[in-house]
């Protein structure tokens, strides 16, 4: 059941004027101080030496998975976005393939970067750089907070999705498989022959979840240094009639959420056991899902989904579990 929010047509018009005039709007900066180094326990209860995390749930917090709600909210006026991510200043940052837009939680958008063509996917690295996937150019770029741009890795055929590790490396899906990109920019094709799309890391950064056009969800185990420590295996298979899976994300308990093009969002436990589904009345292709950052009015327990039709519609559903902490987020107070 859908609960519509106030129509943001007027806000969208203001945003358009702002885009043309080049105005800007800033959020209050988050003064989190230097992030402390914390040794996070893994999802099995063991201590992992992979670096800091913001918050690790207790066993009791993750023992019971709340049912997915049947109600959600939606609002229009979010523009065309191929993909989006949340920054550490309370903004939703999306790509139109040719430039980057930053939206506050009220849907007011301003241009963050121009003349950056061919961006199909994006995500924030641990140092705050925005990693952008320039699909037609077969390259991965980086954009610093002050808009300094560089090519990080090249020769990655048709990159689509990215999951950034807290050690500064990245995992990237593409039409030819899944790549591991080191901080130096050297890229290795780890899982070949998988036409892959959505990708996300587990909350302890010890597993990579991947989906693609064959409708499987695969998991690849990693060692404490972020390198593969075993073989990838399929843990679940999606219903092909719902369309190909466009996006994948994880919550702080390690559950996996997959968005299929037709508007179906399915949740799986870390071992692949189905744990509920939610159908969004999208009216068009569902392109991306992300958990909110918990900053600037974007709720950390809410799953956000974007559809490009009708001027860009953003769906929000509170699933009752916080999203996985991302390496560029400030570490919240206990």
C-alpha atoms as a PDB file:
ATOM      1  CA  UNK A   1       0.000   0.000   0.000  1.00  0.00           C
ATOM      2  CA  UNK A   2       1.390   3.365  -0.969  1.00  0.00           C
ATOM      3  CA  UNK A   3       1.162   6.494   1.182  1.00  0.00           C
ATOM      4  CA  UNK A   4       1.923   9.488  -1.044  1.00  0.00           C
ATOM      5  CA  UNK A   5       3.816  12.419   0.353  1.00  0.00           C
ATOM      6  CA  UNK A   6       3.135  16.013  -0.666  1.00  0.00           C
ATOM      7  CA  UNK A   7       3.740  16.544  -4.369  1.00  0.00           C
ATOM      8  CA  UNK A   8       7.126  18.123  -4.836  1.00  0.00           C
ATOM      9  CA  UNK A   9       6.403  19.642  -8.219  1.00  0.00           C
ATOM     10  CA  UNK A  10       7.063  23.140  -6.883  1.00  0.00           C
ATOM     11  CA  UNK A  11      10.271  22.000  -5.268  1.00  0.00           C
ATOM     12  CA  UNK A  12      11.296  20.305  -8.493  1.00  0.00           C
ATOM     13  CA  UNK A  13      10.695  23.535 -10.400  1.00  0.00           C
ATOM     14  CA  UNK A  14      12.839  25.452  -7.935  1.00  0.00           C
ATOM     15  CA  UNK A  15      15.508  22.808  -8.286  1.00  0.00           C
ATOM     16  CA  UNK A  16      15.436  23.208 -12.069  1.00  0.00           C
ATOM     17  CA  UNK A  17      15.818  26.979 -11.756  1.00  0.00           C
ATOM     18  CA  UNK A  18      18.668  26.411  -9.382  1.00  0.00           C
ATOM     19  CA  UNK A  19      20.366  24.042 -11.790  1.00  0.00           C
ATOM     20  CA  UNK A  20      20.158  26.639 -14.546  1.00  0.00           C
ATOM     21  CA  UNK A  21      21.278  29.517 -12.355  1.00  0.00           C
ATOM     22  CA  UNK A  22      24.111  27.610 -10.728  1.00  0.00           C
ATOM     23  CA  UNK A  23      23.038  28.310  -7.162  1.00  0.00           C
ATOM     24  CA  UNK A  24      23.962  26.020  -4.339  1.00  0.00           C
ATOM     25  CA  UNK A  25      22.756  24.886  -0.985  1.00  0.00           C
ATOM     26  CA  UNK A  26      24.878  23.427   1.753  1.00  0.00           C
ATOM     27  CA  UNK A  27      24.038  21.233   4.695  1.00  0.00           C
ATOM     28  CA  UNK A  28      25.396  21.704   8.180  1.00  0.00           C
ATOM     29  CA  UNK A  29      28.727  19.858   8.224  1.00  0.00           C
ATOM     30  CA  UNK A  30      29.001  16.794  10.373  1.00  0.00           C
ATOM     31  CA  UNK A  31      31.844  17.290  12.818  1.00  0.00           C
ATOM     32  CA  UNK A  32      32.570  13.724  13.774  1.00  0.00           C
ATOM     33  CA  UNK A  33      36.227  14.218  14.609  1.00  0.00           C
ATOM     34  CA  UNK A  34      38.855  11.649  13.704  1.00  0.00           C
ATOM     35  CA  UNK A  35      37.304   8.195  13.458  1.00  0.00           C
ATOM     36  CA  UNK A  36      38.516   5.836  16.160  1.00  0.00           C
ATOM     37  CA  UNK A  37      40.021   2.533  15.117  1.00  0.00           C
ATOM     38  CA  UNK A  38      37.820  -0.278  16.314  1.00  0.00           C
ATOM     39  CA  UNK A  39      38.347  -3.964  15.736  1.00  0.00           C
ATOM     40  CA  UNK A  40      34.924  -5.196  14.575  1.00  0.00           C
ATOM     41  CA  UNK A  41      33.613  -8.649  15.396  1.00  0.00           C
ATOM     42  CA  UNK A  42      32.644 -10.668  12.374  1.00  0.00           C
ATOM     43  CA  UNK A  43      29.115 -11.908  11.772  1.00  0.00           C
ATOM     44  CA  UNK A  44      30.137 -15.237  13.327  1.00  0.00           C
ATOM     45  CA  UNK A  45      31.236 -13.538  16.548  1.00  0.00           C
ATOM     46  CA  UNK A  46      34.958 -13.747  15.783  1.00  0.00           C
ATOM     47  CA  UNK A  47      37.233 -10.728  15.825  1.00  0.00           C
ATOM     48  CA  UNK A  48      38.291  -9.482  12.392  1.00  0.00           C
ATOM     49  CA  UNK A  49      41.334  -7.281  11.850  1.00  0.00           C
ATOM     50  CA  UNK A  50      39.921  -5.329   8.923  1.00  0.00           C
ATOM     51  CA  UNK A  51      39.652  -1.847  10.466  1.00  0.00           C
ATOM     52  CA  UNK A  52      36.954   0.405  11.923  1.00  0.00           C
ATOM     53  CA  UNK A  53      33.223   0.017  11.820  1.00  0.00           C
ATOM     54  CA  UNK A  54      30.568   2.364  13.171  1.00  0.00           C
ATOM     55  CA  UNK A  55      28.216   0.022  14.945  1.00  0.00           C
ATOM     56  CA  UNK A  56      27.986  -3.722  15.296  1.00  0.00           C
ATOM     57  CA  UNK A  57      24.629  -5.193  16.326  1.00  0.00           C
ATOM     58  CA  UNK A  58      24.323  -7.503  19.291  1.00  0.00           C
ATOM     59  CA  UNK A  59      23.226 -11.056  18.689  1.00  0.00           C
ATOM     60  CA  UNK A  60      19.873 -10.188  20.210  1.00  0.00           C
ATOM     61  CA  UNK A  61      19.403  -7.279  17.783  1.00  0.00           C
ATOM     62  CA  UNK A  62      19.857  -9.569  14.788  1.00  0.00           C
ATOM     63  CA  UNK A  63      18.269 -12.716  16.188  1.00  0.00           C
ATOM     64  CA  UNK A  64      14.835 -11.777  14.845  1.00  0.00           C
ATOM     65  CA  UNK A  65      14.282 -10.227  11.425  1.00  0.00           C
ATOM     66  CA  UNK A  66      11.189  -8.008  11.441  1.00  0.00           C
ATOM     67  CA  UNK A  67       8.739  -8.610   8.593  1.00  0.00           C
ATOM     68  CA  UNK A  68       8.962  -6.277   5.650  1.00  0.00           C
ATOM     69  CA  UNK A  69       6.182  -3.684   5.836  1.00  0.00           C
ATOM     70  CA  UNK A  70       3.478  -3.492   3.197  1.00  0.00           C
ATOM     71  CA  UNK A  71       3.303   0.311   3.301  1.00  0.00           C
ATOM     72  CA  UNK A  72       5.808   2.778   1.925  1.00  0.00           C
ATOM     73  CA  UNK A  73       6.122   6.423   0.989  1.00  0.00           C
ATOM     74  CA  UNK A  74       6.931   7.942  -2.387  1.00  0.00           C
ATOM     75  CA  UNK A  75       7.566  11.407  -3.758  1.00  0.00           C
ATOM     76  CA  UNK A  76       8.219  12.807  -7.221  1.00  0.00           C
ATOM     77  CA  UNK A  77      10.602  15.425  -8.524  1.00  0.00           C
ATOM     78  CA  UNK A  78      13.898  13.615  -7.949  1.00  0.00           C
ATOM     79  CA  UNK A  79      14.992  13.741 -11.589  1.00  0.00           C
ATOM     80  CA  UNK A  80      16.538  11.084 -13.765  1.00  0.00           C
ATOM     81  CA  UNK A  81      19.177   9.055 -11.940  1.00  0.00           C
ATOM     82  CA  UNK A  82      21.013   6.003 -13.174  1.00  0.00           C
ATOM     83  CA  UNK A  83      22.340   5.339  -9.668  1.00  0.00           C
ATOM     84  CA  UNK A  84      22.708   7.153  -6.346  1.00  0.00           C
ATOM     85  CA  UNK A  85      24.593   7.052  -3.048  1.00  0.00           C
ATOM     86  CA  UNK A  86      24.523   8.946   0.241  1.00  0.00           C
ATOM     87  CA  UNK A  87      27.433  11.202   1.201  1.00  0.00           C
ATOM     88  CA  UNK A  88      28.635  12.093   4.707  1.00  0.00           C
ATOM     89  CA  UNK A  89      27.012  15.549   4.711  1.00  0.00           C
ATOM     90  CA  UNK A  90      23.358  14.527   4.533  1.00  0.00           C
ATOM     91  CA  UNK A  91      22.885  14.517   0.763  1.00  0.00           C
ATOM     92  CA  UNK A  92      21.679  11.959  -1.751  1.00  0.00           C
ATOM     93  CA  UNK A  93      24.059  12.147  -4.715  1.00  0.00           C
ATOM     94  CA  UNK A  94      22.836  10.777  -8.042  1.00  0.00           C
ATOM     95  CA  UNK A  95      24.145  10.469 -11.568  1.00  0.00           C
ATOM     96  CA  UNK A  96      22.223  11.416 -14.694  1.00  0.00           C
ATOM     97  CA  UNK A  97      25.017   9.766 -16.727  1.00  0.00           C
ATOM     98  CA  UNK A  98      26.307  13.219 -17.728  1.00  0.00           C
ATOM     99  CA  UNK A  99      26.513  15.117 -14.412  1.00  0.00           C
ATOM    100  CA  UNK A 100      26.110  14.651 -10.677  1.00  0.00           C
ATOM    101  CA  UNK A 101      23.234  16.026  -8.610  1.00  0.00           C
ATOM    102  CA  UNK A 102      23.026  16.410  -4.829  1.00  0.00           C
ATOM    103  CA  UNK A 103      19.584  16.323  -3.186  1.00  0.00           C
ATOM    104  CA  UNK A 104      18.647  17.114   0.393  1.00  0.00           C
ATOM    105  CA  UNK A 105      15.931  15.086   2.117  1.00  0.00           C
ATOM    106  CA  UNK A 106      13.272  17.574   0.945  1.00  0.00           C
ATOM    107  CA  UNK A 107      14.067  16.807  -2.683  1.00  0.00           C
ATOM    108  CA  UNK A 108      15.877  20.077  -3.416  1.00  0.00           C
ATOM    109  CA  UNK A 109      18.668  19.338  -5.896  1.00  0.00           C
ATOM    110  CA  UNK A 110      21.742  21.218  -7.058  1.00  0.00           C
ATOM    111  CA  UNK A 111      24.463  20.351  -9.545  1.00  0.00           C
ATOM    112  CA  UNK A 112      27.582  18.995  -7.886  1.00  0.00           C
ATOM    113  CA  UNK A 113      29.686  18.199 -10.967  1.00  0.00           C
ATOM    114  CA  UNK A 114      29.248  18.875 -14.699  1.00  0.00           C
ATOM    115  CA  UNK A 115      30.680  17.385 -17.894  1.00  0.00           C
ATOM    116  CA  UNK A 116      31.253  13.933 -16.494  1.00  0.00           C
ATOM    117  CA  UNK A 117      29.663  11.738 -19.134  1.00  0.00           C
ATOM    118  CA  UNK A 118      28.851   8.061 -19.092  1.00  0.00           C
ATOM    119  CA  UNK A 119      28.433   7.482 -15.347  1.00  0.00           C
ATOM    120  CA  UNK A 120      26.350   4.359 -14.779  1.00  0.00           C
ATOM    121  CA  UNK A 121      27.190   3.638 -11.147  1.00  0.00           C
ATOM    122  CA  UNK A 122      28.767   5.320  -8.146  1.00  0.00           C
ATOM    123  CA  UNK A 123      29.706   4.897  -4.507  1.00  0.00           C
ATOM    124  CA  UNK A 124      31.835   6.603  -1.892  1.00  0.00           C
ATOM    125  CA  UNK A 125      35.319   5.362  -1.027  1.00  0.00           C
ATOM    126  CA  UNK A 126      36.643   5.295   2.527  1.00  0.00           C
ATOM    127  CA  UNK A 127      38.611   8.539   1.985  1.00  0.00           C
ATOM    128  CA  UNK A 128      35.492  10.456   0.867  1.00  0.00           C
ATOM    129  CA  UNK A 129      36.199  10.352  -2.877  1.00  0.00           C
ATOM    130  CA  UNK A 130      33.244   9.503  -5.078  1.00  0.00           C
ATOM    131  CA  UNK A 131      34.003   6.462  -7.232  1.00  0.00           C
ATOM    132  CA  UNK A 132      32.246   6.781 -10.604  1.00  0.00           C
ATOM    133  CA  UNK A 133      31.814   4.035 -13.191  1.00  0.00           C
ATOM    134  CA  UNK A 134      32.110   5.442 -16.707  1.00  0.00           C
ATOM    135  CA  UNK A 135      30.450   2.550 -18.477  1.00  0.00           C
ATOM    136  CA  UNK A 136      30.940   3.524 -22.162  1.00  0.00           C
ATOM    137  CA  UNK A 137      34.638   4.301 -21.541  1.00  0.00           C
ATOM    138  CA  UNK A 138      35.406   1.056 -19.676  1.00  0.00           C
ATOM    139  CA  UNK A 139      36.959   3.010 -16.825  1.00  0.00           C
ATOM    140  CA  UNK A 140      36.577   3.808 -13.139  1.00  0.00           C
ATOM    141  CA  UNK A 141      37.114   7.391 -12.026  1.00  0.00           C
ATOM    142  CA  UNK A 142      37.385   9.262  -8.762  1.00  0.00           C
ATOM    143  CA  UNK A 143      36.009  12.681  -7.813  1.00  0.00           C
ATOM    144  CA  UNK A 144      37.361  14.431  -4.729  1.00  0.00           C
ATOM    145  CA  UNK A 145      35.075  16.590  -2.544  1.00  0.00           C
ATOM    146  CA  UNK A 146      36.504  19.681  -4.301  1.00  0.00           C
ATOM    147  CA  UNK A 147      35.769  18.198  -7.777  1.00  0.00           C
ATOM    148  CA  UNK A 148      39.290  17.074  -8.657  1.00  0.00           C
ATOM    149  CA  UNK A 149      38.910  14.205 -11.117  1.00  0.00           C
ATOM    150  CA  UNK A 150      41.123  11.317 -12.064  1.00  0.00           C
ATOM    151  CA  UNK A 151      41.007   7.900 -13.715  1.00  0.00           C
ATOM    152  CA  UNK A 152      41.477   5.207 -11.084  1.00  0.00           C
ATOM    153  CA  UNK A 153      41.273   2.037 -13.224  1.00  0.00           C
ATOM    154  CA  UNK A 154      40.794   1.322 -16.917  1.00  0.00           C
ATOM    155  CA  UNK A 155      40.123  -1.698 -19.101  1.00  0.00           C
ATOM    156  CA  UNK A 156      37.085  -2.789 -17.057  1.00  0.00           C
ATOM    157  CA  UNK A 157      34.536  -3.593 -19.729  1.00  0.00           C
ATOM    158  CA  UNK A 158      31.176  -1.869 -19.102  1.00  0.00           C
ATOM    159  CA  UNK A 159      31.354  -1.338 -15.303  1.00  0.00           C
ATOM    160  CA  UNK A 160      27.948  -1.165 -13.601  1.00  0.00           C
ATOM    161  CA  UNK A 161      28.080  -1.407  -9.786  1.00  0.00           C
ATOM    162  CA  UNK A 162      30.636  -0.731  -7.060  1.00  0.00           C
ATOM    163  CA  UNK A 163      31.121  -1.750  -3.419  1.00  0.00           C
ATOM    164  CA  UNK A 164      33.925   0.065  -1.599  1.00  0.00           C
ATOM    165  CA  UNK A 165      35.984  -1.716   1.034  1.00  0.00           C
ATOM    166  CA  UNK A 166      37.230   0.120   4.107  1.00  0.00           C
ATOM    167  CA  UNK A 167      40.841  -0.622   3.079  1.00  0.00           C
ATOM    168  CA  UNK A 168      40.560   1.642   0.021  1.00  0.00           C
ATOM    169  CA  UNK A 169      39.963  -1.111  -2.533  1.00  0.00           C
ATOM    170  CA  UNK A 170      36.741  -1.712  -4.471  1.00  0.00           C
ATOM    171  CA  UNK A 171      34.687  -4.519  -5.944  1.00  0.00           C
ATOM    172  CA  UNK A 172      33.076  -3.746  -9.288  1.00  0.00           C
ATOM    173  CA  UNK A 173      30.504  -5.539 -11.412  1.00  0.00           C
ATOM    174  CA  UNK A 174      30.623  -5.450 -15.204  1.00  0.00           C
ATOM    175  CA  UNK A 175      29.306  -7.157 -18.303  1.00  0.00           C
ATOM    176  CA  UNK A 176      32.232  -9.608 -18.244  1.00  0.00           C
ATOM    177  CA  UNK A 177      32.458 -10.384 -14.534  1.00  0.00           C
ATOM    178  CA  UNK A 178      33.405  -9.062 -11.103  1.00  0.00           C
ATOM    179  CA  UNK A 179      36.630  -7.089 -10.610  1.00  0.00           C
ATOM    180  CA  UNK A 180      38.796  -6.313  -7.601  1.00  0.00           C
ATOM    181  CA  UNK A 181      40.459  -2.886  -7.846  1.00  0.00           C
ATOM    182  CA  UNK A 182      43.397  -2.158  -5.552  1.00  0.00           C
ATOM    183  CA  UNK A 183      44.156   1.274  -4.135  1.00  0.00           C
ATOM    184  CA  UNK A 184      46.878   1.561  -6.804  1.00  0.00           C
ATOM    185  CA  UNK A 185      44.269   1.174  -9.563  1.00  0.00           C
ATOM    186  CA  UNK A 186      45.412  -2.298 -10.603  1.00  0.00           C
ATOM    187  CA  UNK A 187      42.341  -4.371 -11.463  1.00  0.00           C
ATOM    188  CA  UNK A 188      41.896  -8.148 -11.463  1.00  0.00           C
ATOM    189  CA  UNK A 189      38.961 -10.037 -12.949  1.00  0.00           C
ATOM    190  CA  UNK A 190      38.097 -12.341 -10.038  1.00  0.00           C
ATOM    191  CA  UNK A 191      34.764 -13.806 -11.181  1.00  0.00           C
ATOM    192  CA  UNK A 192      34.778 -14.046 -14.997  1.00  0.00           C
ATOM    193  CA  UNK A 193      31.859 -14.830 -17.299  1.00  0.00           C
ATOM    194  CA  UNK A 194      29.189 -13.379 -14.982  1.00  0.00           C
ATOM    195  CA  UNK A 195      27.117 -10.589 -16.519  1.00  0.00           C
ATOM    196  CA  UNK A 196      26.801  -8.876 -13.159  1.00  0.00           C
ATOM    197  CA  UNK A 197      24.870  -5.834 -11.891  1.00  0.00           C
ATOM    198  CA  UNK A 198      24.252  -5.341  -8.152  1.00  0.00           C
ATOM    199  CA  UNK A 199      27.010  -5.719  -5.563  1.00  0.00           C
ATOM    200  CA  UNK A 200      27.463  -5.083  -1.833  1.00  0.00           C
ATOM    201  CA  UNK A 201      29.765  -6.047   1.015  1.00  0.00           C
ATOM    202  CA  UNK A 202      28.719  -7.665   4.282  1.00  0.00           C
ATOM    203  CA  UNK A 203      28.843  -5.468   7.406  1.00  0.00           C
ATOM    204  CA  UNK A 204      32.098  -7.087   8.573  1.00  0.00           C
ATOM    205  CA  UNK A 205      33.646  -6.665   5.081  1.00  0.00           C
ATOM    206  CA  UNK A 206      34.378 -10.394   4.864  1.00  0.00           C
ATOM    207  CA  UNK A 207      31.959 -11.302   2.061  1.00  0.00           C
ATOM    208  CA  UNK A 208      30.925  -9.879  -1.297  1.00  0.00           C
ATOM    209  CA  UNK A 209      27.351 -10.423  -2.512  1.00  0.00           C
ATOM    210  CA  UNK A 210      26.757 -10.221  -6.276  1.00  0.00           C
ATOM    211  CA  UNK A 211      23.775 -10.604  -8.567  1.00  0.00           C
ATOM    212  CA  UNK A 212      23.359 -10.364 -12.316  1.00  0.00           C
ATOM    213  CA  UNK A 213      21.428 -11.252 -15.426  1.00  0.00           C
ATOM    214  CA  UNK A 214      21.435 -14.983 -14.643  1.00  0.00           C
ATOM    215  CA  UNK A 215      19.231 -14.129 -11.603  1.00  0.00           C
ATOM    216  CA  UNK A 216      21.558 -15.791  -9.081  1.00  0.00           C
ATOM    217  CA  UNK A 217      22.843 -14.256  -5.865  1.00  0.00           C
ATOM    218  CA  UNK A 218      26.427 -15.263  -5.237  1.00  0.00           C
ATOM    219  CA  UNK A 219      28.679 -14.775  -2.250  1.00  0.00           C
ATOM    220  CA  UNK A 220      32.481 -14.615  -2.312  1.00  0.00           C
ATOM    221  CA  UNK A 221      34.367 -14.974   1.005  1.00  0.00           C
ATOM    222  CA  UNK A 222      37.217 -12.546   1.757  1.00  0.00           C
ATOM    223  CA  UNK A 223      40.184 -12.712   4.115  1.00  0.00           C
ATOM    224  CA  UNK A 224      41.096 -10.007   6.625  1.00  0.00           C
ATOM    225  CA  UNK A 225      43.091  -8.165   3.928  1.00  0.00           C
ATOM    226  CA  UNK A 226      40.082  -8.004   1.618  1.00  0.00           C
ATOM    227  CA  UNK A 227      41.246 -10.640  -0.876  1.00  0.00           C
ATOM    228  CA  UNK A 228      39.259 -13.745  -1.920  1.00  0.00           C
ATOM    229  CA  UNK A 229      39.642 -16.581   0.566  1.00  0.00           C
ATOM    230  CA  UNK A 230      37.526 -19.200  -1.183  1.00  0.00           C
ATOM    231  CA  UNK A 231      35.255 -19.958  -4.111  1.00  0.00           C
ATOM    232  CA  UNK A 232      32.087 -18.032  -4.919  1.00  0.00           C
ATOM    233  CA  UNK A 233      28.839 -19.925  -4.502  1.00  0.00           C
ATOM    234  CA  UNK A 234      25.223 -19.305  -5.420  1.00  0.00           C
ATOM    235  CA  UNK A 235      23.039 -18.929  -2.324  1.00  0.00           C
ATOM    236  CA  UNK A 236      19.720 -17.966  -3.938  1.00  0.00           C
ATOM    237  CA  UNK A 237      17.968 -17.600  -7.278  1.00  0.00           C
ATOM    238  CA  UNK A 238      15.508 -14.874  -8.240  1.00  0.00           C
ATOM    239  CA  UNK A 239      12.284 -15.157 -10.216  1.00  0.00           C
ATOM    240  CA  UNK A 240      13.083 -14.262 -13.824  1.00  0.00           C
ATOM    241  CA  UNK A 241       9.526 -13.061 -14.536  1.00  0.00           C
ATOM    242  CA  UNK A 242      10.139 -10.071 -12.215  1.00  0.00           C
ATOM    243  CA  UNK A 243      12.836  -8.702 -14.510  1.00  0.00           C
ATOM    244  CA  UNK A 244      16.577  -8.604 -14.138  1.00  0.00           C
ATOM    245  CA  UNK A 245      18.078  -7.499 -10.819  1.00  0.00           C
ATOM    246  CA  UNK A 246      19.386  -3.945 -11.058  1.00  0.00           C
ATOM    247  CA  UNK A 247      20.669  -3.308  -7.542  1.00  0.00           C
ATOM    248  CA  UNK A 248      21.691  -5.023  -4.318  1.00  0.00           C
ATOM    249  CA  UNK A 249      22.418  -3.778  -0.795  1.00  0.00           C
ATOM    250  CA  UNK A 250      22.910  -5.137   2.733  1.00  0.00           C
ATOM    251  CA  UNK A 251      21.821  -4.170   6.236  1.00  0.00           C
ATOM    252  CA  UNK A 252      23.854  -4.120   9.440  1.00  0.00           C
ATOM    253  CA  UNK A 253      22.797  -7.699  10.227  1.00  0.00           C
ATOM    254  CA  UNK A 254      24.110  -8.998   6.904  1.00  0.00           C
ATOM    255  CA  UNK A 255      20.719  -9.500   5.246  1.00  0.00           C
ATOM    256  CA  UNK A 256      20.681  -8.979   1.483  1.00  0.00           C
ATOM    257  CA  UNK A 257      18.123  -6.860  -0.413  1.00  0.00           C
ATOM    258  CA  UNK A 258      17.746  -7.190  -4.174  1.00  0.00           C
ATOM    259  CA  UNK A 259      15.728  -4.862  -6.414  1.00  0.00           C
ATOM    260  CA  UNK A 260      14.322  -6.334  -9.610  1.00  0.00           C
ATOM    261  CA  UNK A 261      13.423  -4.144 -12.539  1.00  0.00           C
ATOM    262  CA  UNK A 262       9.672  -4.780 -12.275  1.00  0.00           C
ATOM    263  CA  UNK A 263       9.429  -3.244  -8.791  1.00  0.00           C
ATOM    264  CA  UNK A 264       9.935  -6.279  -6.549  1.00  0.00           C
ATOM    265  CA  UNK A 265      12.361  -5.979  -3.609  1.00  0.00           C
ATOM    266  CA  UNK A 266      13.319  -9.302  -2.042  1.00  0.00           C
ATOM    267  CA  UNK A 267      15.200  -9.858   1.202  1.00  0.00           C
ATOM    268  CA  UNK A 268      17.408 -12.846   2.015  1.00  0.00           C
ATOM    269  CA  UNK A 269      19.206 -13.876   5.177  1.00  0.00           C
ATOM    270  CA  UNK A 270      23.017 -13.985   4.901  1.00  0.00           C
ATOM    271  CA  UNK A 271      22.849 -17.690   4.003  1.00  0.00           C
ATOM    272  CA  UNK A 272      20.353 -17.091   1.176  1.00  0.00           C
ATOM    273  CA  UNK A 273      17.172 -18.067   3.005  1.00  0.00           C
ATOM    274  CA  UNK A 274      14.226 -15.928   1.738  1.00  0.00           C
ATOM    275  CA  UNK A 275      13.091 -13.431   4.393  1.00  0.00           C
ATOM    276  CA  UNK A 276      10.266 -11.473   2.800  1.00  0.00           C
ATOM    277  CA  UNK A 277       9.486  -9.320  -0.196  1.00  0.00           C
ATOM    278  CA  UNK A 278       7.944  -5.963  -0.972  1.00  0.00           C
ATOM    279  CA  UNK A 279       6.333  -4.855  -4.216  1.00  0.00           C
ATOM    280  CA  UNK A 280       6.597  -1.180  -5.118  1.00  0.00           C
ATOM    281  CA  UNK A 281       4.083   0.363  -7.501  1.00  0.00           C
ATOM    282  CA  UNK A 282       6.872   1.899  -9.556  1.00  0.00           C
ATOM    283  CA  UNK A 283       5.212   2.495 -12.926  1.00  0.00           C
ATOM    284  CA  UNK A 284       8.641   2.056 -14.499  1.00  0.00           C
ATOM    285  CA  UNK A 285      12.000   0.320 -14.070  1.00  0.00           C
ATOM    286  CA  UNK A 286      13.371   0.174 -10.529  1.00  0.00           C
ATOM    287  CA  UNK A 287      17.007   1.167 -11.006  1.00  0.00           C
ATOM    288  CA  UNK A 288      18.669   1.355  -7.573  1.00  0.00           C
ATOM    289  CA  UNK A 289      18.158   0.769  -3.842  1.00  0.00           C
ATOM    290  CA  UNK A 290      20.226   2.065  -0.915  1.00  0.00           C
ATOM    291  CA  UNK A 291      19.854   2.379   2.832  1.00  0.00           C
ATOM    292  CA  UNK A 292      19.709   5.934   4.127  1.00  0.00           C
ATOM    293  CA  UNK A 293      22.791   7.393   5.765  1.00  0.00           C
ATOM    294  CA  UNK A 294      21.100   8.514   8.968  1.00  0.00           C
ATOM    295  CA  UNK A 295      22.244  12.056   8.110  1.00  0.00           C
ATOM    296  CA  UNK A 296      20.341  15.102   6.881  1.00  0.00           C
ATOM    297  CA  UNK A 297      16.910  13.520   7.309  1.00  0.00           C
ATOM    298  CA  UNK A 298      17.638  10.294   5.406  1.00  0.00           C
ATOM    299  CA  UNK A 299      16.687   7.530   7.839  1.00  0.00           C
ATOM    300  CA  UNK A 300      19.257   4.792   8.470  1.00  0.00           C
ATOM    301  CA  UNK A 301      16.573   2.118   8.850  1.00  0.00           C
ATOM    302  CA  UNK A 302      14.858   3.113   5.606  1.00  0.00           C
ATOM    303  CA  UNK A 303      15.447   1.527   2.258  1.00  0.00           C
ATOM    304  CA  UNK A 304      15.348   4.105  -0.567  1.00  0.00           C
ATOM    305  CA  UNK A 305      14.531   3.081  -4.143  1.00  0.00           C
ATOM    306  CA  UNK A 306      14.577   5.217  -7.277  1.00  0.00           C
ATOM    307  CA  UNK A 307      12.519   5.047 -10.468  1.00  0.00           C
ATOM    308  CA  UNK A 308      13.263   7.379 -13.378  1.00  0.00           C
ATOM    309  CA  UNK A 309       9.699   7.715 -14.690  1.00  0.00           C
ATOM    310  CA  UNK A 310       7.385  10.641 -13.755  1.00  0.00           C
ATOM    311  CA  UNK A 311      10.230  13.081 -13.290  1.00  0.00           C
ATOM    312  CA  UNK A 312      12.027  10.734 -10.938  1.00  0.00           C
ATOM    313  CA  UNK A 313      10.279   9.019  -8.026  1.00  0.00           C
ATOM    314  CA  UNK A 314      11.947   8.150  -4.738  1.00  0.00           C
ATOM    315  CA  UNK A 315      10.410   5.395  -2.615  1.00  0.00           C
ATOM    316  CA  UNK A 316      11.107   5.027   1.100  1.00  0.00           C
ATOM    317  CA  UNK A 317      10.285   2.020   3.260  1.00  0.00           C
ATOM    318  CA  UNK A 318      11.356   1.613   6.882  1.00  0.00           C
ATOM    319  CA  UNK A 319      12.454  -2.010   7.273  1.00  0.00           C
ATOM    320  CA  UNK A 320      13.278  -1.749  10.983  1.00  0.00           C
ATOM    321  CA  UNK A 321      16.977  -2.630  10.567  1.00  0.00           C
ATOM    322  CA  UNK A 322      19.798  -0.165  10.030  1.00  0.00           C
ATOM    323  CA  UNK A 323      21.700  -0.287   6.790  1.00  0.00           C
ATOM    324  CA  UNK A 324      25.290  -1.447   6.683  1.00  0.00           C
ATOM    325  CA  UNK A 325      27.736   1.228   7.800  1.00  0.00           C
ATOM    326  CA  UNK A 326      29.720   2.640   4.876  1.00  0.00           C
ATOM    327  CA  UNK A 327      33.437   3.484   5.231  1.00  0.00           C
ATOM    328  CA  UNK A 328      32.977   7.209   4.516  1.00  0.00           C
ATOM    329  CA  UNK A 329      30.277   7.720   7.171  1.00  0.00           C
ATOM    330  CA  UNK A 330      31.144   9.287  10.537  1.00  0.00           C
ATOM    331  CA  UNK A 331      31.154   6.851  13.414  1.00  0.00           C
ATOM    332  CA  UNK A 332      28.079   7.629  15.531  1.00  0.00           C
ATOM    333  CA  UNK A 333      28.236   8.055  19.274  1.00  0.00           C
ATOM    334  CA  UNK A 334      27.422   4.940  21.351  1.00  0.00           C
END
